[in-house]
Amino acid sequence: MEIRRPTKKELKIIRKALAAFGSVDFLDNFSIYVKEGEKKEVYAASKDLEAFIGKLNEVSFGIKVGEVGKRFRFTLEGAFFLVKRNKKKVYVNEKGEMLFLYGRDIFRESVIDVTEDVRENDIVFVCNKRGDILGIGKTRFDAERIFKVEEGRVVVENLVDRGEYIRKEKLYDAY
């Protein structure tokens, strides 16, 4: 398996995804590499490692932040390291946090805040009330409508959450 720098096309796709979440400056601080295999896995590594790229063990190289193809899909680790700004986030209460970490979807009554830029069918980061990223979800409504939906309706579908590491269902999948 080869570790290489991203192509211009891959870098454009990655930049577009980072821009959507206000994190393009991530590329100023880290070097991005692609590991060719069944999927094109994207890794972030300290810029100090560039001199060692050909000599590193590919298994222990950097942090997997996503996968690139027609679009860039964040891993849970990538969400934690890449997303620092309040863009495309849904905040949940303690009950919603617990249910989400058990693999459940987010119901209307669990939502305590939503960033204004959230649209229907967006990929969003689900956070607890302290702002810790719990996982990645897909919205069923835009930010304005989420609070107008009747209670008992799912407003965010769970795609991947921190609890999956314990359940070992979808370890290291990207969304």
Protein backbone atom coordinates (compact mmCIF):
# COMPACT_ATOMS: atom_id res chain seq x y z
CA MET A 1 0.00 0.00 0.00
CA GLU A 2 1.30 3.36 -1.03
CA ILE A 3 1.24 6.53 1.06
CA ARG A 4 1.32 9.64 -1.11
CA ARG A 5 0.36 13.30 -1.23
CA PRO A 6 -3.21 13.94 -2.48
CA THR A 7 -3.73 14.72 -6.16
CA LYS A 8 -4.99 18.18 -7.13
CA LYS A 9 -8.50 16.76 -7.56
CA GLU A 10 -8.44 15.00 -4.17
CA LEU A 11 -7.08 18.13 -2.48
CA LYS A 12 -9.88 20.19 -4.04
CA ILE A 13 -12.48 17.76 -2.68
CA ILE A 14 -10.86 17.81 0.79
CA ARG A 15 -10.65 21.63 0.81
CA LYS A 16 -14.31 21.91 -0.17
CA ALA A 17 -15.37 19.65 2.72
CA LEU A 18 -13.14 21.53 5.17
CA ALA A 19 -14.55 24.86 3.95
CA ALA A 20 -18.10 23.66 4.58
CA PHE A 21 -17.16 23.23 8.25
CA GLY A 22 -14.94 26.32 8.52
CA SER A 23 -11.75 24.31 8.97
CA VAL A 24 -9.62 25.02 5.89
CA ASP A 25 -6.89 26.36 8.20
CA PHE A 26 -6.35 22.75 9.27
CA LEU A 27 -4.20 22.38 6.15
CA ASP A 28 -1.89 25.13 7.44
CA ASN A 29 -0.99 23.07 10.49
CA PHE A 30 -0.95 19.48 9.20
CA SER A 31 0.24 17.62 6.14
CA ILE A 32 -2.35 15.48 4.39
CA TYR A 33 -1.53 12.08 2.89
CA VAL A 34 -3.56 9.47 1.06
CA LYS A 35 -3.11 5.77 1.69
CA GLU A 36 -4.11 3.77 -1.38
CA GLY A 37 -5.92 0.53 -0.75
CA GLU A 38 -9.48 -0.71 -0.99
CA LYS A 39 -10.43 2.89 -0.11
CA LYS A 40 -8.43 6.08 -0.40
CA GLU A 41 -7.88 6.83 3.28
CA VAL A 42 -6.83 10.36 4.22
CA TYR A 43 -4.35 10.82 7.05
CA ALA A 44 -3.15 13.95 8.81
CA ALA A 45 0.35 14.12 10.17
CA SER A 46 2.54 16.76 11.71
CA LYS A 47 4.40 18.82 9.12
CA ASP A 48 7.59 17.69 10.89
CA LEU A 49 7.08 14.17 9.49
CA GLU A 50 7.38 15.17 5.82
CA ALA A 51 11.07 14.25 5.72
CA PHE A 52 10.23 10.72 6.87
CA ILE A 53 7.29 9.95 4.57
CA GLY A 54 9.07 7.22 2.61
CA LYS A 55 10.54 5.61 5.72
CA LEU A 56 7.51 5.41 8.01
CA ASN A 57 5.56 2.29 8.80
CA GLU A 58 2.25 2.79 6.99
CA VAL A 59 0.29 1.21 9.84
CA SER A 60 1.39 3.85 12.33
CA PHE A 61 1.30 6.90 10.07
CA GLY A 62 -0.72 9.90 11.32
CA ILE A 63 -4.40 10.03 12.20
CA LYS A 64 -7.07 8.83 9.79
CA VAL A 65 -9.29 11.88 9.27
CA GLY A 66 -11.43 10.63 6.41
CA GLU A 67 -11.76 8.96 3.06
CA VAL A 68 -11.75 10.63 -0.34
CA GLY A 69 -13.55 9.62 -3.49
CA LYS A 70 -16.19 11.69 -5.24
CA ARG A 71 -16.49 13.50 -1.91
CA PHE A 72 -14.58 13.66 1.35
CA ARG A 73 -16.09 11.69 4.23
CA PHE A 74 -14.95 12.44 7.77
CA THR A 75 -14.11 9.73 10.24
CA LEU A 76 -15.05 10.28 13.86
CA GLU A 77 -11.39 11.01 14.58
CA GLY A 78 -11.38 13.50 11.74
CA ALA A 79 -14.41 15.26 13.14
CA PHE A 80 -12.68 15.64 16.48
CA PHE A 81 -9.50 17.12 15.00
CA LEU A 82 -10.93 19.08 12.07
CA VAL A 83 -14.04 20.74 13.36
CA LYS A 84 -13.36 23.56 15.75
CA ARG A 85 -15.90 26.15 14.71
CA ASN A 86 -19.63 26.25 15.24
CA LYS A 87 -20.63 25.07 11.80
CA LYS A 88 -23.13 22.34 11.00
CA LYS A 89 -23.59 21.17 14.57
CA VAL A 90 -26.58 19.88 16.53
CA TYR A 91 -26.38 20.06 20.31
CA VAL A 92 -28.30 17.58 22.45
CA ASN A 93 -29.28 17.30 26.11
CA GLU A 94 -28.00 14.57 28.45
CA LYS A 95 -30.74 12.10 27.57
CA GLY A 96 -30.13 12.64 23.84
CA GLU A 97 -26.39 12.23 24.41
CA MET A 98 -26.87 8.89 26.14
CA LEU A 99 -29.25 7.56 23.49
CA PHE A 100 -27.03 8.75 20.63
CA LEU A 101 -23.99 7.02 22.16
CA TYR A 102 -26.08 3.83 22.28
CA GLY A 103 -26.58 4.11 18.52
CA ARG A 104 -30.02 5.75 18.54
CA ASP A 105 -31.22 8.63 16.38
CA ILE A 106 -31.85 12.12 17.79
CA PHE A 107 -35.45 13.03 18.60
CA ARG A 108 -36.77 16.59 18.55
CA GLU A 109 -37.09 16.81 22.36
CA SER A 110 -33.36 16.04 22.79
CA VAL A 111 -32.15 18.98 20.68
CA ILE A 112 -31.09 22.05 22.67
CA ASP A 113 -29.38 24.05 19.91
CA VAL A 114 -28.61 23.94 16.18
CA THR A 115 -26.23 26.12 14.19
CA GLU A 116 -28.00 28.31 11.64
CA ASP A 117 -26.24 26.78 8.63
CA VAL A 118 -27.82 23.32 9.07
CA ARG A 119 -29.99 22.30 6.11
CA GLU A 120 -32.15 19.26 5.43
CA ASN A 121 -30.07 16.16 4.60
CA ASP A 122 -26.82 17.80 5.77
CA ILE A 123 -24.09 15.79 7.41
CA VAL A 124 -23.71 17.35 10.87
CA PHE A 125 -21.66 16.87 13.99
CA VAL A 126 -23.70 15.89 17.01
CA CYS A 127 -22.40 17.50 20.21
CA ASN A 128 -23.30 17.41 23.87
CA LYS A 129 -24.16 20.62 25.72
CA ARG A 130 -20.43 21.20 26.43
CA GLY A 131 -19.59 21.05 22.70
CA ASP A 132 -17.86 17.65 22.75
CA ILE A 133 -18.36 15.81 19.46
CA LEU A 134 -20.37 12.65 20.06
CA GLY A 135 -20.60 11.56 16.45
CA ILE A 136 -21.82 12.31 12.97
CA GLY A 137 -25.42 12.41 11.84
CA LYS A 138 -27.65 13.34 8.92
CA THR A 139 -30.42 15.89 9.41
CA ARG A 140 -33.99 15.35 8.35
CA PHE A 141 -34.91 19.04 8.69
CA ASP A 142 -33.18 22.39 8.39
CA ALA A 143 -32.23 24.50 11.43
CA GLU A 144 -35.43 26.57 11.34
CA ARG A 145 -37.77 23.57 11.19
CA ILE A 146 -36.10 21.31 13.76
CA PHE A 147 -37.68 23.14 16.72
CA LYS A 148 -41.09 23.29 14.99
CA VAL A 149 -41.34 19.53 14.50
CA GLU A 150 -43.61 17.71 16.92
CA GLU A 151 -41.97 15.79 19.76
CA GLY A 152 -41.30 12.12 19.17
CA ARG A 153 -40.00 12.63 15.62
CA VAL A 154 -36.45 11.83 14.59
CA VAL A 155 -34.63 14.99 13.46
CA VAL A 156 -31.07 13.61 13.09
CA GLU A 157 -30.17 10.11 11.92
CA ASN A 158 -27.17 8.53 13.65
CA LEU A 159 -24.44 7.66 11.13
CA VAL A 160 -21.54 6.99 13.50
CA ASP A 161 -20.99 7.69 17.19
CA ARG A 162 -18.31 7.23 19.83
CA GLY A 163 -20.21 4.28 21.26
CA GLU A 164 -19.47 2.25 18.13
CA TYR A 165 -15.94 1.69 19.37
CA ILE A 166 -17.39 -0.22 22.28
CA ARG A 167 -20.03 -2.00 20.21
CA LYS A 168 -17.42 -2.66 17.47
CA GLU A 169 -20.02 -2.40 14.73
CA LYS A 170 -18.51 0.07 12.27
CA LEU A 171 -15.02 0.73 13.53
CA TYR A 172 -13.27 3.47 11.54
CA ASP A 173 -15.99 4.00 8.94
CA ALA A 174 -16.17 7.43 7.41
CA TYR A 175 -19.32 9.48 6.71
